[in-house]
Structure formats: structure tokens, C-alpha cells
Amino acid sequence: MDSNVELTLTATHKVTGKKMVYRLIDNQKMILLHPITNESLIEIDFSNPDEVTFHNLTQDRTLDDAGKCVWECSRQCKGDFICFASCSAGCATIII
């Protein structure tokens, strides 16, 4: 990817209407951005389809409940990026 181009993905939860924006790092990692401040909140690594990992990029938020939600939701995604983004969009409302 060209270093002068930033690729983002916006996912909208159908029920809540909340929009989540992700900065795509590469084809295996993305960062969840705060919807108002664009602060980097969570780095999500789904390089292993059996275990998605989350790294908190802030000091003031906990990921336990949101992580459990995404883990359960994304079990059937099997590495599908759009499926995973949909799960994380719904579950991220726990921390945002």
C-alpha cells in the first residue's frame, strides 16, 4: 500500500445506527477509531482465523466485555474481514 494513502473501512450497525471507522493497517490488522475524535482505540489483529487479538491503545478504556462480545460473534467469520468488522461494530458500542 502506498504510504501516502490511508485506507479506512466504515461499518454501520443496522440496529443502533452507530458507525464505526477502522484504519486498515494491512490485510491482517486494523485500528478502531473513536467516531468523534478519530483517536486510535483498539488495534485488532485477525491474522489467525481461530483467535482474534485486541490491543488497547488508550489508558482509560477496558476491552474485557467488548472483546468477549467480538470473540463470540466472530467465531463463525473464519477470517472473513467484513463479517469481523460487522461483529466489532456491534460490540464496540460497549466501550464507546
PDB file of N, CA and C in Angstrom:
ATOM      1  N   MET A   1       0.847  -1.166   0.000  1.00  0.00           N
ATOM      2  CA  MET A   1       0.000   0.000   0.000  1.00  0.00           C
ATOM      3  C   MET A   1       0.892   1.228   0.000  1.00  0.00           C
ATOM      4  N   ASP A   2       0.530   2.231  -0.763  1.00  0.00           N
ATOM      5  CA  ASP A   2       1.257   3.488  -0.833  1.00  0.00           C
ATOM      6  C   ASP A   2       1.203   4.178   0.519  1.00  0.00           C
ATOM      7  N   SER A   3       2.361   4.629   1.034  1.00  0.00           N
ATOM      8  CA  SER A   3       2.400   5.249   2.362  1.00  0.00           C
ATOM      9  C   SER A   3       1.712   6.606   2.390  1.00  0.00           C
ATOM     10  N   ASN A   4       1.374   7.167   1.222  1.00  0.00           N
ATOM     11  CA  ASN A   4       0.674   8.449   1.170  1.00  0.00           C
ATOM     12  C   ASN A   4      -0.843   8.291   1.169  1.00  0.00           C
ATOM     13  N   VAL A   5      -1.307   7.062   1.228  1.00  0.00           N
ATOM     14  CA  VAL A   5      -2.741   6.794   1.176  1.00  0.00           C
ATOM     15  C   VAL A   5      -3.161   6.088   2.459  1.00  0.00           C
ATOM     16  N   GLU A   6      -4.241   6.573   3.068  1.00  0.00           N
ATOM     17  CA  GLU A   6      -4.794   5.899   4.244  1.00  0.00           C
ATOM     18  C   GLU A   6      -6.093   5.223   3.826  1.00  0.00           C
ATOM     19  N   LEU A   7      -6.195   3.944   4.100  1.00  0.00           N
ATOM     20  CA  LEU A   7      -7.381   3.178   3.751  1.00  0.00           C
ATOM     21  C   LEU A   7      -8.217   2.982   5.003  1.00  0.00           C
ATOM     22  N   THR A   8      -9.501   3.316   4.933  1.00  0.00           N
ATOM     23  CA  THR A   8     -10.392   3.132   6.074  1.00  0.00           C
ATOM     24  C   THR A   8     -11.609   2.327   5.640  1.00  0.00           C
ATOM     25  N   LEU A   9     -12.249   1.727   6.626  1.00  0.00           N
ATOM     26  CA  LEU A   9     -13.483   0.979   6.418  1.00  0.00           C
ATOM     27  C   LEU A   9     -14.492   1.528   7.406  1.00  0.00           C
ATOM     28  N   THR A  10     -15.680   1.857   6.934  1.00  0.00           N
ATOM     29  CA  THR A  10     -16.754   2.318   7.803  1.00  0.00           C
ATOM     30  C   THR A  10     -17.830   1.243   7.836  1.00  0.00           C
ATOM     31  N   ALA A  11     -18.196   0.828   9.050  1.00  0.00           N
ATOM     32  CA  ALA A  11     -19.245  -0.173   9.226  1.00  0.00           C
ATOM     33  C   ALA A  11     -20.360   0.459  10.053  1.00  0.00           C
ATOM     34  N   THR A  12     -21.589   0.253   9.638  1.00  0.00           N
ATOM     35  CA  THR A  12     -22.742   0.793  10.355  1.00  0.00           C
ATOM     36  C   THR A  12     -23.561  -0.355  10.917  1.00  0.00           C
ATOM     37  N   HIS A  13     -23.806  -0.317  12.222  1.00  0.00           N
ATOM     38  CA  HIS A  13     -24.624  -1.337  12.864  1.00  0.00           C
ATOM     39  C   HIS A  13     -26.074  -1.089  12.460  1.00  0.00           C
ATOM     40  N   LYS A  14     -26.734  -2.092  11.905  1.00  0.00           N
ATOM     41  CA  LYS A  14     -28.087  -1.928  11.362  1.00  0.00           C
ATOM     42  C   LYS A  14     -29.126  -1.562  12.413  1.00  0.00           C
ATOM     43  N   VAL A  15     -28.972  -2.045  13.639  1.00  0.00           N
ATOM     44  CA  VAL A  15     -29.978  -1.798  14.670  1.00  0.00           C
ATOM     45  C   VAL A  15     -29.759  -0.450  15.348  1.00  0.00           C
ATOM     46  N   THR A  16     -28.525  -0.177  15.775  1.00  0.00           N
ATOM     47  CA  THR A  16     -28.257   1.054  16.531  1.00  0.00           C
ATOM     48  C   THR A  16     -27.973   2.248  15.645  1.00  0.00           C
ATOM     49  N   GLY A  17     -27.560   1.998  14.401  1.00  0.00           N
ATOM     50  CA  GLY A  17     -27.202   3.091  13.508  1.00  0.00           C
ATOM     51  C   GLY A  17     -25.821   3.662  13.774  1.00  0.00           C
ATOM     52  N   LYS A  18     -25.112   3.118  14.769  1.00  0.00           N
ATOM     53  CA  LYS A  18     -23.770   3.610  15.086  1.00  0.00           C
ATOM     54  C   LYS A  18     -22.804   3.234  13.979  1.00  0.00           C
ATOM     55  N   LYS A  19     -21.942   4.193  13.637  1.00  0.00           N
ATOM     56  CA  LYS A  19     -20.929   3.951  12.625  1.00  0.00           C
ATOM     57  C   LYS A  19     -19.581   3.774  13.301  1.00  0.00           C
ATOM     58  N   MET A  20     -18.852   2.783  12.840  1.00  0.00           N
ATOM     59  CA  MET A  20     -17.509   2.524  13.335  1.00  0.00           C
ATOM     60  C   MET A  20     -16.550   2.696  12.170  1.00  0.00           C
ATOM     61  N   VAL A  21     -15.446   3.385  12.436  1.00  0.00           N
ATOM     62  CA  VAL A  21     -14.446   3.604  11.400  1.00  0.00           C
ATOM     63  C   VAL A  21     -13.171   2.892  11.814  1.00  0.00           C
ATOM     64  N   TYR A  22     -12.620   2.143  10.880  1.00  0.00           N
ATOM     65  CA  TYR A  22     -11.390   1.391  11.100  1.00  0.00           C
ATOM     66  C   TYR A  22     -10.323   1.887  10.135  1.00  0.00           C
ATOM     67  N   ARG A  23      -9.112   2.096  10.630  1.00  0.00           N
ATOM     68  CA  ARG A  23      -7.968   2.374   9.771  1.00  0.00           C
ATOM     69  C   ARG A  23      -7.331   1.029   9.457  1.00  0.00           C
ATOM     70  N   LEU A  24      -7.227   0.707   8.183  1.00  0.00           N
ATOM     71  CA  LEU A  24      -6.662  -0.571   7.781  1.00  0.00           C
ATOM     72  C   LEU A  24      -5.139  -0.436   7.735  1.00  0.00           C
ATOM     73  N   ILE A  25      -4.457  -1.265   8.508  1.00  0.00           N
ATOM     74  CA  ILE A  25      -3.005  -1.248   8.566  1.00  0.00           C
ATOM     75  C   ILE A  25      -2.430  -2.109   7.443  1.00  0.00           C
ATOM     76  N   ASP A  26      -2.914  -3.314   7.329  1.00  0.00           N
ATOM     77  CA  ASP A  26      -2.551  -4.231   6.257  1.00  0.00           C
ATOM     78  C   ASP A  26      -3.705  -5.223   6.129  1.00  0.00           C
ATOM     79  N   ASN A  27      -3.480  -6.317   5.440  1.00  0.00           N
ATOM     80  CA  ASN A  27      -4.596  -7.253   5.227  1.00  0.00           C
ATOM     81  C   ASN A  27      -4.880  -8.137   6.437  1.00  0.00           C
ATOM     82  N   GLN A  28      -4.206  -7.883   7.576  1.00  0.00           N
ATOM     83  CA  GLN A  28      -4.448  -8.678   8.782  1.00  0.00           C
ATOM     84  C   GLN A  28      -4.663  -7.840  10.036  1.00  0.00           C
ATOM     85  N   LYS A  29      -4.518  -6.525   9.940  1.00  0.00           N
ATOM     86  CA  LYS A  29      -4.671  -5.665  11.116  1.00  0.00           C
ATOM     87  C   LYS A  29      -5.451  -4.412  10.767  1.00  0.00           C
ATOM     88  N   MET A  30      -6.208  -3.945  11.746  1.00  0.00           N
ATOM     89  CA  MET A  30      -6.919  -2.682  11.604  1.00  0.00           C
ATOM     90  C   MET A  30      -7.018  -2.030  12.970  1.00  0.00           C
ATOM     91  N   ILE A  31      -7.278  -0.727  12.983  1.00  0.00           N
ATOM     92  CA  ILE A  31      -7.403   0.025  14.226  1.00  0.00           C
ATOM     93  C   ILE A  31      -8.782   0.659  14.268  1.00  0.00           C
ATOM     94  N   LEU A  32      -9.500   0.439  15.370  1.00  0.00           N
ATOM     95  CA  LEU A  32     -10.802   1.066  15.594  1.00  0.00           C
ATOM     96  C   LEU A  32     -10.559   2.495  16.038  1.00  0.00           C
ATOM     97  N   LEU A  33     -11.190   3.452  15.348  1.00  0.00           N
ATOM     98  CA  LEU A  33     -11.038   4.868  15.670  1.00  0.00           C
ATOM     99  C   LEU A  33     -12.257   5.374  16.430  1.00  0.00           C
ATOM    100  N   HIS A  34     -12.041   6.322  17.333  1.00  0.00           N
ATOM    101  CA  HIS A  34     -13.158   6.957  18.033  1.00  0.00           C
ATOM    102  C   HIS A  34     -13.979   7.723  17.002  1.00  0.00           C
ATOM    103  N   PRO A  35     -15.317   7.621  17.033  1.00  0.00           N
ATOM    104  CA  PRO A  35     -16.147   8.217  15.984  1.00  0.00           C
ATOM    105  C   PRO A  35     -16.143   9.744  15.964  1.00  0.00           C
ATOM    106  N   ILE A  36     -15.771  10.387  17.053  1.00  0.00           N
ATOM    107  CA  ILE A  36     -15.769  11.855  17.095  1.00  0.00           C
ATOM    108  C   ILE A  36     -14.356  12.417  17.003  1.00  0.00           C
ATOM    109  N   THR A  37     -13.446  11.871  17.798  1.00  0.00           N
ATOM    110  CA  THR A  37     -12.093  12.430  17.880  1.00  0.00           C
ATOM    111  C   THR A  37     -11.096  11.773  16.931  1.00  0.00           C
ATOM    112  N   ASN A  38     -11.450  10.655  16.336  1.00  0.00           N
ATOM    113  CA  ASN A  38     -10.547   9.852  15.494  1.00  0.00           C
ATOM    114  C   ASN A  38      -9.352   9.306  16.266  1.00  0.00           C
ATOM    115  N   GLU A  39      -9.427   9.295  17.584  1.00  0.00           N
ATOM    116  CA  GLU A  39      -8.372   8.714  18.407  1.00  0.00           C
ATOM    117  C   GLU A  39      -8.308   7.212  18.144  1.00  0.00           C
ATOM    118  N   SER A  40      -7.096   6.670  18.067  1.00  0.00           N
ATOM    119  CA  SER A  40      -6.921   5.227  17.908  1.00  0.00           C
ATOM    120  C   SER A  40      -7.285   4.546  19.221  1.00  0.00           C
ATOM    121  N   LEU A  41      -8.260   3.642  19.181  1.00  0.00           N
ATOM    122  CA  LEU A  41      -8.742   2.994  20.397  1.00  0.00           C
ATOM    123  C   LEU A  41      -8.210   1.574  20.564  1.00  0.00           C
ATOM    124  N   ILE A  42      -8.368   0.767  19.536  1.00  0.00           N
ATOM    125  CA  ILE A  42      -8.063  -0.656  19.642  1.00  0.00           C
ATOM    126  C   ILE A  42      -7.375  -1.124  18.354  1.00  0.00           C
ATOM    127  N   GLU A  43      -6.270  -1.821  18.496  1.00  0.00           N
ATOM    128  CA  GLU A  43      -5.674  -2.489  17.338  1.00  0.00           C
ATOM    129  C   GLU A  43      -6.210  -3.918  17.321  1.00  0.00           C
ATOM    130  N   ILE A  44      -6.729  -4.326  16.181  1.00  0.00           N
ATOM    131  CA  ILE A  44      -7.341  -5.638  16.031  1.00  0.00           C
ATOM    132  C   ILE A  44      -6.509  -6.439  15.034  1.00  0.00           C
ATOM    133  N   ASP A  45      -6.058  -7.613  15.466  1.00  0.00           N
ATOM    134  CA  ASP A  45      -5.222  -8.468  14.622  1.00  0.00           C
ATOM    135  C   ASP A  45      -5.980  -9.776  14.396  1.00  0.00           C
ATOM    136  N   PHE A  46      -6.353 -10.030  13.147  1.00  0.00           N
ATOM    137  CA  PHE A  46      -7.089 -11.257  12.838  1.00  0.00           C
ATOM    138  C   PHE A  46      -6.296 -12.125  11.870  1.00  0.00           C
ATOM    139  N   SER A  47      -4.957 -12.113  12.035  1.00  0.00           N
ATOM    140  CA  SER A  47      -4.110 -12.936  11.175  1.00  0.00           C
ATOM    141  C   SER A  47      -4.313 -14.422  11.443  1.00  0.00           C
ATOM    142  N   ASN A  48      -4.731 -14.762  12.655  1.00  0.00           N
ATOM    143  CA  ASN A  48      -5.041 -16.146  12.994  1.00  0.00           C
ATOM    144  C   ASN A  48      -6.568 -16.284  13.012  1.00  0.00           C
ATOM    145  N   PRO A  49      -7.177 -16.991  12.049  1.00  0.00           N
ATOM    146  CA  PRO A  49      -8.636 -17.069  11.989  1.00  0.00           C
ATOM    147  C   PRO A  49      -9.275 -17.744  13.202  1.00  0.00           C
ATOM    148  N   ASP A  50      -8.483 -18.452  13.995  1.00  0.00           N
ATOM    149  CA  ASP A  50      -9.029 -19.106  15.184  1.00  0.00           C
ATOM    150  C   ASP A  50      -8.934 -18.251  16.434  1.00  0.00           C
ATOM    151  N   GLU A  51      -8.175 -17.151  16.384  1.00  0.00           N
ATOM    152  CA  GLU A  51      -8.005 -16.320  17.575  1.00  0.00           C
ATOM    153  C   GLU A  51      -7.714 -14.884  17.181  1.00  0.00           C
ATOM    154  N   VAL A  52      -8.699 -14.023  17.312  1.00  0.00           N
ATOM    155  CA  VAL A  52      -8.528 -12.598  17.046  1.00  0.00           C
ATOM    156  C   VAL A  52      -7.944 -11.971  18.305  1.00  0.00           C
ATOM    157  N   THR A  53      -6.928 -11.116  18.139  1.00  0.00           N
ATOM    158  CA  THR A  53      -6.327 -10.462  19.300  1.00  0.00           C
ATOM    159  C   THR A  53      -6.608  -8.963  19.271  1.00  0.00           C
ATOM    160  N   PHE A  54      -6.740  -8.385  20.443  1.00  0.00           N
ATOM    161  CA  PHE A  54      -7.042  -6.974  20.616  1.00  0.00           C
ATOM    162  C   PHE A  54      -5.957  -6.342  21.481  1.00  0.00           C
ATOM    163  N   HIS A  55      -5.548  -5.137  21.098  1.00  0.00           N
ATOM    164  CA  HIS A  55      -4.569  -4.397  21.882  1.00  0.00           C
ATOM    165  C   HIS A  55      -5.147  -3.024  22.174  1.00  0.00           C
ATOM    166  N   ASN A  56      -5.358  -2.737  23.449  1.00  0.00           N
ATOM    167  CA  ASN A  56      -5.900  -1.455  23.859  1.00  0.00           C
ATOM    168  C   ASN A  56      -4.854  -0.379  23.603  1.00  0.00           C
ATOM    169  N   LEU A  57      -5.218   0.675  22.897  1.00  0.00           N
ATOM    170  CA  LEU A  57      -4.290   1.754  22.578  1.00  0.00           C
ATOM    171  C   LEU A  57      -4.525   2.987  23.442  1.00  0.00           C
ATOM    172  N   THR A  58      -5.434   2.885  24.395  1.00  0.00           N
ATOM    173  CA  THR A  58      -5.708   4.006  25.301  1.00  0.00           C
ATOM    174  C   THR A  58      -5.565   3.521  26.740  1.00  0.00           C
ATOM    175  N   GLN A  59      -5.481   4.462  27.646  1.00  0.00           N
ATOM    176  CA  GLN A  59      -5.337   4.122  29.059  1.00  0.00           C
ATOM    177  C   GLN A  59      -6.665   4.100  29.807  1.00  0.00           C
ATOM    178  N   ASP A  60      -7.695   4.704  29.253  1.00  0.00           N
ATOM    179  CA  ASP A  60      -8.929   4.921  30.019  1.00  0.00           C
ATOM    180  C   ASP A  60     -10.088   4.007  29.660  1.00  0.00           C
ATOM    181  N   ARG A  61      -9.878   2.987  28.853  1.00  0.00           N
ATOM    182  CA  ARG A  61     -10.973   2.099  28.475  1.00  0.00           C
ATOM    183  C   ARG A  61     -10.578   0.648  28.709  1.00  0.00           C
ATOM    184  N   THR A  62     -11.557  -0.147  29.079  1.00  0.00           N
ATOM    185  CA  THR A  62     -11.314  -1.582  29.238  1.00  0.00           C
ATOM    186  C   THR A  62     -11.956  -2.311  28.065  1.00  0.00           C
ATOM    187  N   LEU A  63     -11.334  -3.388  27.642  1.00  0.00           N
ATOM    188  CA  LEU A  63     -11.818  -4.133  26.486  1.00  0.00           C
ATOM    189  C   LEU A  63     -12.438  -5.474  26.839  1.00  0.00           C
ATOM    190  N   ASP A  64     -12.498  -5.806  28.124  1.00  0.00           N
ATOM    191  CA  ASP A  64     -12.946  -7.145  28.509  1.00  0.00           C
ATOM    192  C   ASP A  64     -14.308  -7.511  27.938  1.00  0.00           C
ATOM    193  N   ASP A  65     -15.321  -6.706  28.214  1.00  0.00           N
ATOM    194  CA  ASP A  65     -16.667  -7.040  27.748  1.00  0.00           C
ATOM    195  C   ASP A  65     -16.787  -6.954  26.233  1.00  0.00           C
ATOM    196  N   ALA A  66     -16.200  -5.914  25.640  1.00  0.00           N
ATOM    197  CA  ALA A  66     -16.269  -5.776  24.185  1.00  0.00           C
ATOM    198  C   ALA A  66     -15.522  -6.921  23.506  1.00  0.00           C
ATOM    199  N   GLY A  67     -14.380  -7.298  24.062  1.00  0.00           N
ATOM    200  CA  GLY A  67     -13.601  -8.392  23.489  1.00  0.00           C
ATOM    201  C   GLY A  67     -14.339  -9.712  23.533  1.00  0.00           C
ATOM    202  N   LYS A  68     -15.010  -9.993  24.649  1.00  0.00           N
ATOM    203  CA  LYS A  68     -15.783 -11.228  24.761  1.00  0.00           C
ATOM    204  C   LYS A  68     -16.917 -11.252  23.742  1.00  0.00           C
ATOM    205  N   CYS A  69     -17.554 -10.097  23.561  1.00  0.00           N
ATOM    206  CA  CYS A  69     -18.645  -9.988  22.598  1.00  0.00           C
ATOM    207  C   CYS A  69     -18.134 -10.269  21.187  1.00  0.00           C
ATOM    208  N   VAL A  70     -17.034  -9.622  20.804  1.00  0.00           N
ATOM    209  CA  VAL A  70     -16.492  -9.813  19.459  1.00  0.00           C
ATOM    210  C   VAL A  70     -16.022 -11.250  19.269  1.00  0.00           C
ATOM    211  N   TRP A  71     -15.395 -11.806  20.284  1.00  0.00           N
ATOM    212  CA  TRP A  71     -14.902 -13.184  20.180  1.00  0.00           C
ATOM    213  C   TRP A  71     -16.055 -14.144  19.899  1.00  0.00           C
ATOM    214  N   GLU A  72     -17.149 -13.997  20.641  1.00  0.00           N
ATOM    215  CA  GLU A  72     -18.307 -14.866  20.432  1.00  0.00           C
ATOM    216  C   GLU A  72     -18.946 -14.628  19.066  1.00  0.00           C
ATOM    217  N   CYS A  73     -19.117 -13.367  18.716  1.00  0.00           N
ATOM    218  CA  CYS A  73     -19.779 -13.023  17.456  1.00  0.00           C
ATOM    219  C   CYS A  73     -18.972 -13.498  16.256  1.00  0.00           C
ATOM    220  N   SER A  74     -17.649 -13.360  16.320  1.00  0.00           N
ATOM    221  CA  SER A  74     -16.821 -13.620  15.146  1.00  0.00           C
ATOM    222  C   SER A  74     -16.392 -15.081  14.994  1.00  0.00           C
ATOM    223  N   ARG A  75     -16.851 -15.950  15.856  1.00  0.00           N
ATOM    224  CA  ARG A  75     -16.474 -17.363  15.743  1.00  0.00           C
ATOM    225  C   ARG A  75     -16.781 -17.944  14.371  1.00  0.00           C
ATOM    226  N   GLN A  76     -17.905 -17.565  13.807  1.00  0.00           N
ATOM    227  CA  GLN A  76     -18.277 -18.130  12.507  1.00  0.00           C
ATOM    228  C   GLN A  76     -17.717 -17.340  11.324  1.00  0.00           C
ATOM    229  N   CYS A  77     -16.947 -16.284  11.571  1.00  0.00           N
ATOM    230  CA  CYS A  77     -16.415 -15.473  10.465  1.00  0.00           C
ATOM    231  C   CYS A  77     -15.302 -16.174   9.694  1.00  0.00           C
ATOM    232  N   LYS A  78     -14.522 -17.015  10.345  1.00  0.00           N
ATOM    233  CA  LYS A  78     -13.459 -17.794   9.692  1.00  0.00           C
ATOM    234  C   LYS A  78     -12.544 -16.923   8.830  1.00  0.00           C
ATOM    235  N   GLY A  79     -12.120 -15.777   9.389  1.00  0.00           N
ATOM    236  CA  GLY A  79     -11.178 -14.913   8.684  1.00  0.00           C
ATOM    237  C   GLY A  79     -11.817 -13.934   7.708  1.00  0.00           C
ATOM    238  N   ASP A  80     -13.144 -13.918   7.598  1.00  0.00           N
ATOM    239  CA  ASP A  80     -13.837 -13.001   6.693  1.00  0.00           C
ATOM    240  C   ASP A  80     -13.800 -11.596   7.291  1.00  0.00           C
ATOM    241  N   PHE A  81     -13.111 -10.683   6.628  1.00  0.00           N
ATOM    242  CA  PHE A  81     -12.889  -9.328   7.126  1.00  0.00           C
ATOM    243  C   PHE A  81     -14.202  -8.578   7.359  1.00  0.00           C
ATOM    244  N   ILE A  82     -15.120  -8.623   6.412  1.00  0.00           N
ATOM    245  CA  ILE A  82     -16.383  -7.886   6.523  1.00  0.00           C
ATOM    246  C   ILE A  82     -17.232  -8.448   7.661  1.00  0.00           C
ATOM    247  N   CYS A  83     -17.271  -9.747   7.807  1.00  0.00           N
ATOM    248  CA  CYS A  83     -18.003 -10.380   8.905  1.00  0.00           C
ATOM    249  C   CYS A  83     -17.437  -9.908  10.236  1.00  0.00           C
ATOM    250  N   PHE A  84     -16.112  -9.925  10.348  1.00  0.00           N
ATOM    251  CA  PHE A  84     -15.479  -9.499  11.593  1.00  0.00           C
ATOM    252  C   PHE A  84     -15.740  -8.023  11.874  1.00  0.00           C
ATOM    253  N   ALA A  85     -15.664  -7.179  10.856  1.00  0.00           N
ATOM    254  CA  ALA A  85     -15.926  -5.751  11.043  1.00  0.00           C
ATOM    255  C   ALA A  85     -17.344  -5.516  11.537  1.00  0.00           C
ATOM    256  N   SER A  86     -18.287  -6.287  11.034  1.00  0.00           N
ATOM    257  CA  SER A  86     -19.663  -6.174  11.475  1.00  0.00           C
ATOM    258  C   SER A  86     -19.805  -6.538  12.946  1.00  0.00           C
ATOM    259  N   CYS A  87     -19.143  -7.615  13.360  1.00  0.00           N
ATOM    260  CA  CYS A  87     -19.174  -8.023  14.771  1.00  0.00           C
ATOM    261  C   CYS A  87     -18.564  -6.954  15.661  1.00  0.00           C
ATOM    262  N   SER A  88     -17.417  -6.451  15.273  1.00  0.00           N
ATOM    263  CA  SER A  88     -16.753  -5.466  16.123  1.00  0.00           C
ATOM    264  C   SER A  88     -17.508  -4.157  16.163  1.00  0.00           C
ATOM    265  N   ALA A  89     -18.208  -3.820  15.078  1.00  0.00           N
ATOM    266  CA  ALA A  89     -19.016  -2.597  15.082  1.00  0.00           C
ATOM    267  C   ALA A  89     -20.143  -2.698  16.108  1.00  0.00           C
ATOM    268  N   GLY A  90     -20.788  -3.836  16.153  1.00  0.00           N
ATOM    269  CA  GLY A  90     -21.866  -4.013  17.121  1.00  0.00           C
ATOM    270  C   GLY A  90     -21.350  -4.058  18.548  1.00  0.00           C
ATOM    271  N   CYS A  91     -20.243  -4.747  18.761  1.00  0.00           N
ATOM    272  CA  CYS A  91     -19.723  -4.924  20.109  1.00  0.00           C
ATOM    273  C   CYS A  91     -18.981  -3.697  20.634  1.00  0.00           C
ATOM    274  N   ALA A  92     -18.456  -2.889  19.754  1.00  0.00           N
ATOM    275  CA  ALA A  92     -17.703  -1.720  20.199  1.00  0.00           C
ATOM    276  C   ALA A  92     -18.596  -0.704  20.897  1.00  0.00           C
ATOM    277  N   THR A  93     -19.894  -0.807  20.712  1.00  0.00           N
ATOM    278  CA  THR A  93     -20.791   0.135  21.405  1.00  0.00           C
ATOM    279  C   THR A  93     -20.700  -0.055  22.929  1.00  0.00           C
ATOM    280  N   ILE A  94     -20.129  -1.153  23.367  1.00  0.00           N
ATOM    281  CA  ILE A  94     -19.945  -1.392  24.803  1.00  0.00           C
ATOM    282  C   ILE A  94     -18.961  -0.386  25.389  1.00  0.00           C
ATOM    283  N   ILE A  95     -17.932  -0.016  24.626  1.00  0.00           N
ATOM    284  CA  ILE A  95     -16.893   0.866  25.171  1.00  0.00           C
ATOM    285  C   ILE A  95     -16.974   2.287  24.640  1.00  0.00           C
ATOM    286  N   ILE A  96     -17.792   2.536  23.637  1.00  0.00           N
ATOM    287  CA  ILE A  96     -17.857   3.891  23.082  1.00  0.00           C
ATOM    288  C   ILE A  96     -19.227   4.489  23.358  1.00  0.00           C
TER     289      ILE A  96
END
